Amino acid sequence: MSRRNWLLFAAMCVIWGIPYLLIRIAVRNVSPADLVFARTGIAAVMLLPIAVWRHELMPVLRRWRPLVAYTVVELAVPWLLLSDAETKLSSSLSGLLVAAVPLVGVVILAGIGGERHEPVGRSTLAGLIMGLVGVGALVGLDLHQLDGLALLEIAVVVLGYALGPIILSRSLSDLPGIGVVTGSLVLTALIYAPFAIIDPPQHLPGGAIASVLVLASVCTALAFVLFFALIAGIGPARAVVITYVNPAVAVLLGVAALGERFTVGMAVGFPLILAGSILGARRRSERPELVEVS
């Protein structure tokens, strides 16, 4: 890769690893619904002029049905549930649990079949089993300090993050990326606007404000621009590797910045999930890239 592509790759590994930290800080003072509105609203305002100037929005709006489906499963529902889960779970644990997205994506693709279906081979099956054992270790070894509802919310987040790229690949892949993202952000902001109007935050310390602004401007608006530039430079198959680095960044930041505990479950579970994801998602050059948008 060129130096520019390496810089883009490194930037994306960090940028999509820090949202878990920022969400954890923000939800101390901002409700999950208000946070989703602020994040998507600010990002939409930043990206909308670009999409309009490039004439990328109208073609996307004409394909509104798959756009709505993609928005619901990739942004609107996961971002709300992830924010709510992080009121009860640490940012580092949340990031590690979301690392199971590639595993769930492989299972979904194997189940729905179609022209892009590949039989589940031995390496894929071994990866799925390894990843499942890793998730079991991550949760089971620390079960005494986990919230059941929050774990269920993270499970829905993982499912949504796995379904989103499949919808994108099958129904929206021929449309301009910035247009799709902008349309999804605008739609999500409109969904959550009533909640922000009815129940606005009462007190916003500097840390919460900074977290929301960075989450919206850097981890959402800028991140998508850089991600599409990275895909253009190295292709989607290699760009998906950032998925395996983001959780490690989330753990490092959670432990270093918030003093979160690095537990036995994390030490045992994450390597298994990481290895299982890599092994299970091998040989899928024709499959949609399973990149979760943190």
Protein backbone atom coordinates (compact mmCIF):
# COMPACT_ATOMS: atom_id res chain seq x y z
CA MET A 1 0.00 0.00 0.00
CA SER A 2 1.06 3.57 -0.56
CA ARG A 3 1.91 5.86 2.35
CA ARG A 4 -1.42 7.66 1.87
CA ASN A 5 -3.36 4.42 2.10
CA TRP A 6 -1.44 3.34 5.19
CA LEU A 7 -2.30 6.64 6.84
CA LEU A 8 -5.97 6.23 5.90
CA PHE A 9 -5.94 2.69 7.23
CA ALA A 10 -4.35 3.70 10.53
CA ALA A 11 -6.76 6.62 10.89
CA MET A 12 -9.81 4.41 10.36
CA CYS A 13 -8.56 1.82 12.85
CA VAL A 14 -8.47 4.54 15.50
CA ILE A 15 -11.49 6.59 14.41
CA TRP A 16 -13.87 3.62 14.49
CA GLY A 17 -12.31 2.34 17.70
CA ILE A 18 -12.99 5.45 19.81
CA PRO A 19 -16.82 5.77 19.50
CA TYR A 20 -17.30 3.27 22.34
CA LEU A 21 -15.31 5.54 24.67
CA LEU A 22 -17.12 8.68 23.51
CA ILE A 23 -20.55 7.06 23.83
CA ARG A 24 -19.74 5.88 27.36
CA ILE A 25 -18.79 9.44 28.34
CA ALA A 26 -21.75 11.08 26.60
CA VAL A 27 -24.52 8.84 27.99
CA ARG A 28 -23.67 9.94 31.50
CA ASN A 29 -25.47 13.20 30.68
CA VAL A 30 -27.28 12.62 27.39
CA SER A 31 -30.10 10.14 26.79
CA PRO A 32 -29.41 7.49 24.12
CA ALA A 33 -32.09 8.95 21.81
CA ASP A 34 -30.72 12.49 22.17
CA LEU A 35 -27.21 11.21 21.50
CA VAL A 36 -28.26 9.46 18.29
CA PHE A 37 -30.07 12.61 17.14
CA ALA A 38 -27.08 14.84 17.87
CA ARG A 39 -24.61 12.45 16.25
CA THR A 40 -26.59 11.92 13.06
CA GLY A 41 -27.89 15.50 12.85
CA ILE A 42 -24.47 17.13 13.08
CA ALA A 43 -22.91 14.60 10.71
CA ALA A 44 -25.77 15.04 8.23
CA VAL A 45 -25.32 18.83 8.24
CA MET A 46 -21.62 18.31 7.47
CA LEU A 47 -22.11 15.77 4.67
CA LEU A 48 -25.27 17.12 3.06
CA PRO A 49 -23.54 19.96 1.14
CA ILE A 50 -21.01 17.48 -0.26
CA ALA A 51 -23.71 15.04 -1.37
CA VAL A 52 -25.79 17.82 -2.96
CA TRP A 53 -22.77 19.38 -4.71
CA ARG A 54 -21.84 15.97 -6.16
CA HIS A 55 -25.48 15.27 -7.17
CA GLU A 56 -25.32 12.04 -5.16
CA LEU A 57 -28.46 12.40 -3.07
CA MET A 58 -31.33 12.22 -5.56
CA PRO A 59 -30.34 8.82 -7.05
CA VAL A 60 -30.31 7.43 -3.51
CA LEU A 61 -33.68 8.90 -2.57
CA ARG A 62 -35.25 7.26 -5.61
CA ARG A 63 -34.20 3.92 -4.07
CA TRP A 64 -35.86 4.80 -0.77
CA ARG A 65 -37.13 1.36 0.27
CA PRO A 66 -33.72 -0.35 0.62
CA LEU A 67 -32.34 2.93 1.99
CA VAL A 68 -34.90 2.82 4.81
CA ALA A 69 -34.13 -0.85 5.50
CA TYR A 70 -30.39 -0.17 5.57
CA THR A 71 -30.85 2.87 7.81
CA VAL A 72 -32.97 0.98 10.34
CA VAL A 73 -30.65 -2.03 10.73
CA GLU A 74 -27.30 -0.23 10.42
CA LEU A 75 -27.86 3.13 12.14
CA ALA A 76 -31.23 3.91 13.71
CA VAL A 77 -31.67 0.80 15.86
CA PRO A 78 -28.03 -0.23 16.58
CA TRP A 79 -26.85 3.25 17.56
CA LEU A 80 -29.72 3.65 20.01
CA LEU A 81 -29.26 0.21 21.56
CA LEU A 82 -25.47 0.54 21.72
CA SER A 83 -25.81 3.88 23.49
CA ASP A 84 -28.31 2.43 25.97
CA ALA A 85 -26.18 -0.67 26.55
CA GLU A 86 -23.19 1.52 27.40
CA THR A 87 -25.11 3.04 30.29
CA LYS A 88 -24.65 -0.38 31.90
CA LEU A 89 -21.60 -1.93 30.20
CA SER A 90 -18.04 -0.69 29.90
CA SER A 91 -16.93 0.77 26.59
CA SER A 92 -14.20 -1.84 26.25
CA LEU A 93 -16.56 -4.78 26.74
CA SER A 94 -19.06 -3.28 24.30
CA GLY A 95 -16.35 -2.94 21.67
CA LEU A 96 -15.23 -6.53 22.14
CA LEU A 97 -18.75 -7.94 21.90
CA VAL A 98 -19.37 -6.03 18.66
CA ALA A 99 -16.28 -7.76 17.27
CA ALA A 100 -18.54 -10.77 16.65
CA VAL A 101 -20.15 -9.00 13.65
CA PRO A 102 -18.14 -10.86 10.98
CA LEU A 103 -19.12 -14.20 12.52
CA VAL A 104 -22.82 -13.35 12.48
CA GLY A 105 -22.47 -12.05 8.93
CA VAL A 106 -21.04 -15.36 7.76
CA VAL A 107 -23.93 -17.25 9.37
CA ILE A 108 -26.50 -14.96 7.73
CA LEU A 109 -24.89 -15.29 4.31
CA ALA A 110 -24.77 -19.05 4.66
CA GLY A 111 -28.44 -19.08 5.60
CA ILE A 112 -29.87 -16.81 2.91
CA GLY A 113 -27.89 -18.45 0.10
CA GLY A 114 -28.46 -16.95 -3.33
CA GLU A 115 -26.04 -16.46 -6.13
CA ARG A 116 -23.31 -15.22 -3.80
CA HIS A 117 -23.66 -18.15 -1.44
CA GLU A 118 -20.59 -20.22 -0.66
CA PRO A 119 -20.80 -23.55 1.19
CA VAL A 120 -19.64 -23.42 4.78
CA GLY A 121 -16.23 -25.08 4.62
CA ARG A 122 -14.11 -26.50 7.39
CA SER A 123 -12.20 -23.27 8.03
CA THR A 124 -15.41 -21.27 8.19
CA LEU A 125 -17.02 -23.77 10.55
CA ALA A 126 -13.90 -23.83 12.72
CA GLY A 127 -13.90 -20.03 12.81
CA LEU A 128 -17.56 -19.92 13.82
CA ILE A 129 -17.00 -22.42 16.63
CA MET A 130 -13.90 -20.59 17.82
CA GLY A 131 -15.73 -17.27 17.77
CA LEU A 132 -18.70 -18.73 19.63
CA VAL A 133 -16.39 -20.11 22.30
CA GLY A 134 -14.76 -16.67 22.51
CA VAL A 135 -18.09 -14.91 23.02
CA GLY A 136 -19.00 -17.52 25.62
CA ALA A 137 -15.73 -16.91 27.45
CA LEU A 138 -16.09 -13.14 27.19
CA VAL A 139 -19.54 -13.24 28.73
CA GLY A 140 -19.34 -16.34 30.92
CA LEU A 141 -16.12 -15.53 32.76
CA ASP A 142 -17.45 -12.10 33.74
CA LEU A 143 -21.13 -13.02 34.08
CA HIS A 144 -21.40 -11.78 37.66
CA GLN A 145 -20.80 -8.17 36.58
CA LEU A 146 -22.84 -8.06 33.38
CA ASP A 147 -26.33 -6.74 32.73
CA GLY A 148 -28.60 -9.17 30.86
CA LEU A 149 -30.66 -6.51 29.05
CA ALA A 150 -27.51 -4.71 27.91
CA LEU A 151 -26.12 -7.96 26.51
CA LEU A 152 -29.36 -8.51 24.61
CA GLU A 153 -29.12 -4.98 23.21
CA ILE A 154 -25.55 -5.63 22.04
CA ALA A 155 -26.73 -8.85 20.39
CA VAL A 156 -29.28 -6.86 18.36
CA VAL A 157 -26.55 -4.33 17.51
CA VAL A 158 -24.33 -7.13 16.20
CA LEU A 159 -27.20 -8.55 14.15
CA GLY A 160 -27.97 -5.14 12.66
CA TYR A 161 -24.33 -4.45 11.83
CA ALA A 162 -24.17 -7.81 10.06
CA LEU A 163 -27.40 -7.27 8.08
CA GLY A 164 -26.64 -3.69 7.01
CA PRO A 165 -23.75 -4.43 4.64
CA ILE A 166 -25.75 -7.26 3.06
CA ILE A 167 -28.61 -4.89 2.23
CA LEU A 168 -26.09 -2.32 1.03
CA SER A 169 -24.33 -4.84 -1.21
CA ARG A 170 -27.47 -6.31 -2.73
CA SER A 171 -29.61 -3.19 -3.18
CA LEU A 172 -27.49 -0.04 -2.92
CA SER A 173 -23.96 -0.93 -4.02
CA ASP A 174 -24.34 0.78 -7.41
CA LEU A 175 -25.19 4.12 -5.78
CA PRO A 176 -22.68 6.75 -4.60
CA GLY A 177 -21.45 5.99 -1.10
CA ILE A 178 -21.60 9.52 0.33
CA GLY A 179 -25.16 9.83 -0.96
CA VAL A 180 -26.23 6.61 0.76
CA VAL A 181 -24.60 7.59 4.05
CA THR A 182 -25.99 11.12 3.96
CA GLY A 183 -29.49 9.87 3.23
CA SER A 184 -29.25 7.41 6.12
CA LEU A 185 -27.98 10.06 8.51
CA VAL A 186 -30.73 12.52 7.56
CA LEU A 187 -33.40 9.85 7.95
CA THR A 188 -32.09 8.75 11.35
CA ALA A 189 -31.89 12.34 12.58
CA LEU A 190 -35.50 12.91 11.53
CA ILE A 191 -36.60 9.76 13.39
CA TYR A 192 -35.01 10.91 16.64
CA ALA A 193 -35.73 14.65 16.36
CA PRO A 194 -39.07 14.39 18.26
CA PHE A 195 -37.34 12.67 21.20
CA ALA A 196 -34.69 15.39 21.34
CA ILE A 197 -37.38 18.10 21.28
CA ILE A 198 -39.54 16.46 23.96
CA ASP A 199 -36.71 15.51 26.32
CA PRO A 200 -33.60 17.63 25.70
CA PRO A 201 -30.53 17.26 27.96
CA GLN A 202 -30.81 19.33 31.12
CA HIS A 203 -27.10 19.59 31.91
CA LEU A 204 -24.19 19.22 29.53
CA PRO A 205 -20.67 19.39 31.00
CA GLY A 206 -17.75 20.08 28.72
CA GLY A 207 -16.77 16.44 28.48
CA ALA A 208 -20.20 15.42 27.20
CA ILE A 209 -20.30 18.22 24.65
CA ALA A 210 -16.83 17.38 23.38
CA SER A 211 -17.71 13.67 23.14
CA VAL A 212 -20.84 14.38 21.09
CA LEU A 213 -19.04 16.76 18.76
CA VAL A 214 -16.12 14.40 18.14
CA LEU A 215 -18.48 11.44 17.74
CA ALA A 216 -20.52 13.30 15.12
CA SER A 217 -17.83 15.19 13.22
CA VAL A 218 -14.85 12.82 13.37
CA CYS A 219 -16.24 9.33 14.03
CA THR A 220 -19.20 9.75 11.68
CA ALA A 221 -18.89 12.49 9.04
CA LEU A 222 -15.11 12.44 8.55
CA ALA A 223 -14.93 8.68 9.08
CA PHE A 224 -17.21 7.92 6.15
CA VAL A 225 -15.30 10.24 3.83
CA LEU A 226 -12.00 8.60 4.81
CA PHE A 227 -13.46 5.11 4.61
CA PHE A 228 -14.66 5.57 1.04
CA ALA A 229 -11.25 7.02 0.15
CA LEU A 230 -9.62 3.95 1.72
CA ILE A 231 -11.87 1.59 -0.25
CA ALA A 232 -10.99 3.45 -3.44
CA GLY A 233 -7.32 3.04 -2.64
CA ILE A 234 -7.05 -0.56 -1.45
CA GLY A 235 -10.43 -2.15 -2.20
CA PRO A 236 -13.15 -3.34 0.18
CA ALA A 237 -11.61 -6.76 0.87
CA ARG A 238 -8.49 -5.24 2.44
CA ALA A 239 -10.32 -2.31 4.05
CA VAL A 240 -12.43 -4.72 6.10
CA VAL A 241 -9.34 -5.56 8.18
CA ILE A 242 -10.04 -2.44 10.26
CA THR A 243 -12.93 -4.43 11.76
CA TYR A 244 -10.39 -6.61 13.55
CA VAL A 245 -8.40 -3.68 14.96
CA ASN A 246 -11.23 -1.43 16.21
CA PRO A 247 -12.10 -3.58 19.26
CA ALA A 248 -8.49 -3.56 20.46
CA VAL A 249 -8.47 0.24 20.24
CA ALA A 250 -11.74 0.34 22.20
CA VAL A 251 -10.22 -1.77 24.98
CA LEU A 252 -7.02 0.26 25.17
CA LEU A 253 -8.92 3.55 25.36
CA GLY A 254 -11.45 2.25 27.86
CA VAL A 255 -8.75 0.96 30.20
CA ALA A 256 -6.42 3.95 29.78
CA ALA A 257 -8.92 6.83 29.70
CA LEU A 258 -11.76 5.57 31.90
CA GLY A 259 -9.94 3.17 34.16
CA GLU A 260 -12.08 0.22 33.05
CA ARG A 261 -11.00 -3.24 34.17
CA PHE A 262 -9.32 -5.60 31.75
CA THR A 263 -10.97 -8.80 32.87
CA VAL A 264 -10.15 -12.48 32.50
CA GLY A 265 -13.09 -12.83 30.12
CA MET A 266 -11.63 -10.17 27.85
CA ALA A 267 -8.17 -11.74 27.92
CA VAL A 268 -9.54 -15.16 26.95
CA GLY A 269 -12.51 -14.21 24.78
CA PHE A 270 -11.18 -11.49 22.51
CA PRO A 271 -8.31 -13.48 20.94
CA LEU A 272 -10.76 -16.30 20.21
CA ILE A 273 -13.33 -13.94 18.67
CA LEU A 274 -10.63 -12.23 16.61
CA ALA A 275 -9.13 -15.49 15.35
CA GLY A 276 -12.56 -16.95 14.70
CA SER A 277 -13.68 -13.89 12.75
CA ILE A 278 -10.59 -13.92 10.56
CA LEU A 279 -10.82 -17.68 9.97
CA GLY A 280 -14.58 -17.72 9.49
CA ALA A 281 -14.62 -14.82 7.04
CA ARG A 282 -11.82 -16.13 4.81
CA ARG A 283 -12.35 -16.68 1.10
CA ARG A 284 -15.29 -14.30 0.78
CA SER A 285 -13.96 -11.97 -1.88
CA GLU A 286 -17.37 -12.06 -3.55
CA ARG A 287 -19.31 -11.43 -0.36
CA PRO A 288 -20.41 -8.06 1.03
CA GLU A 289 -17.89 -6.56 3.38
CA LEU A 290 -19.01 -6.90 7.00
CA VAL A 291 -17.80 -3.62 8.47
CA GLU A 292 -19.69 -2.38 11.48
CA VAL A 293 -20.17 1.38 11.76
CA SER A 294 -19.45 2.06 15.40
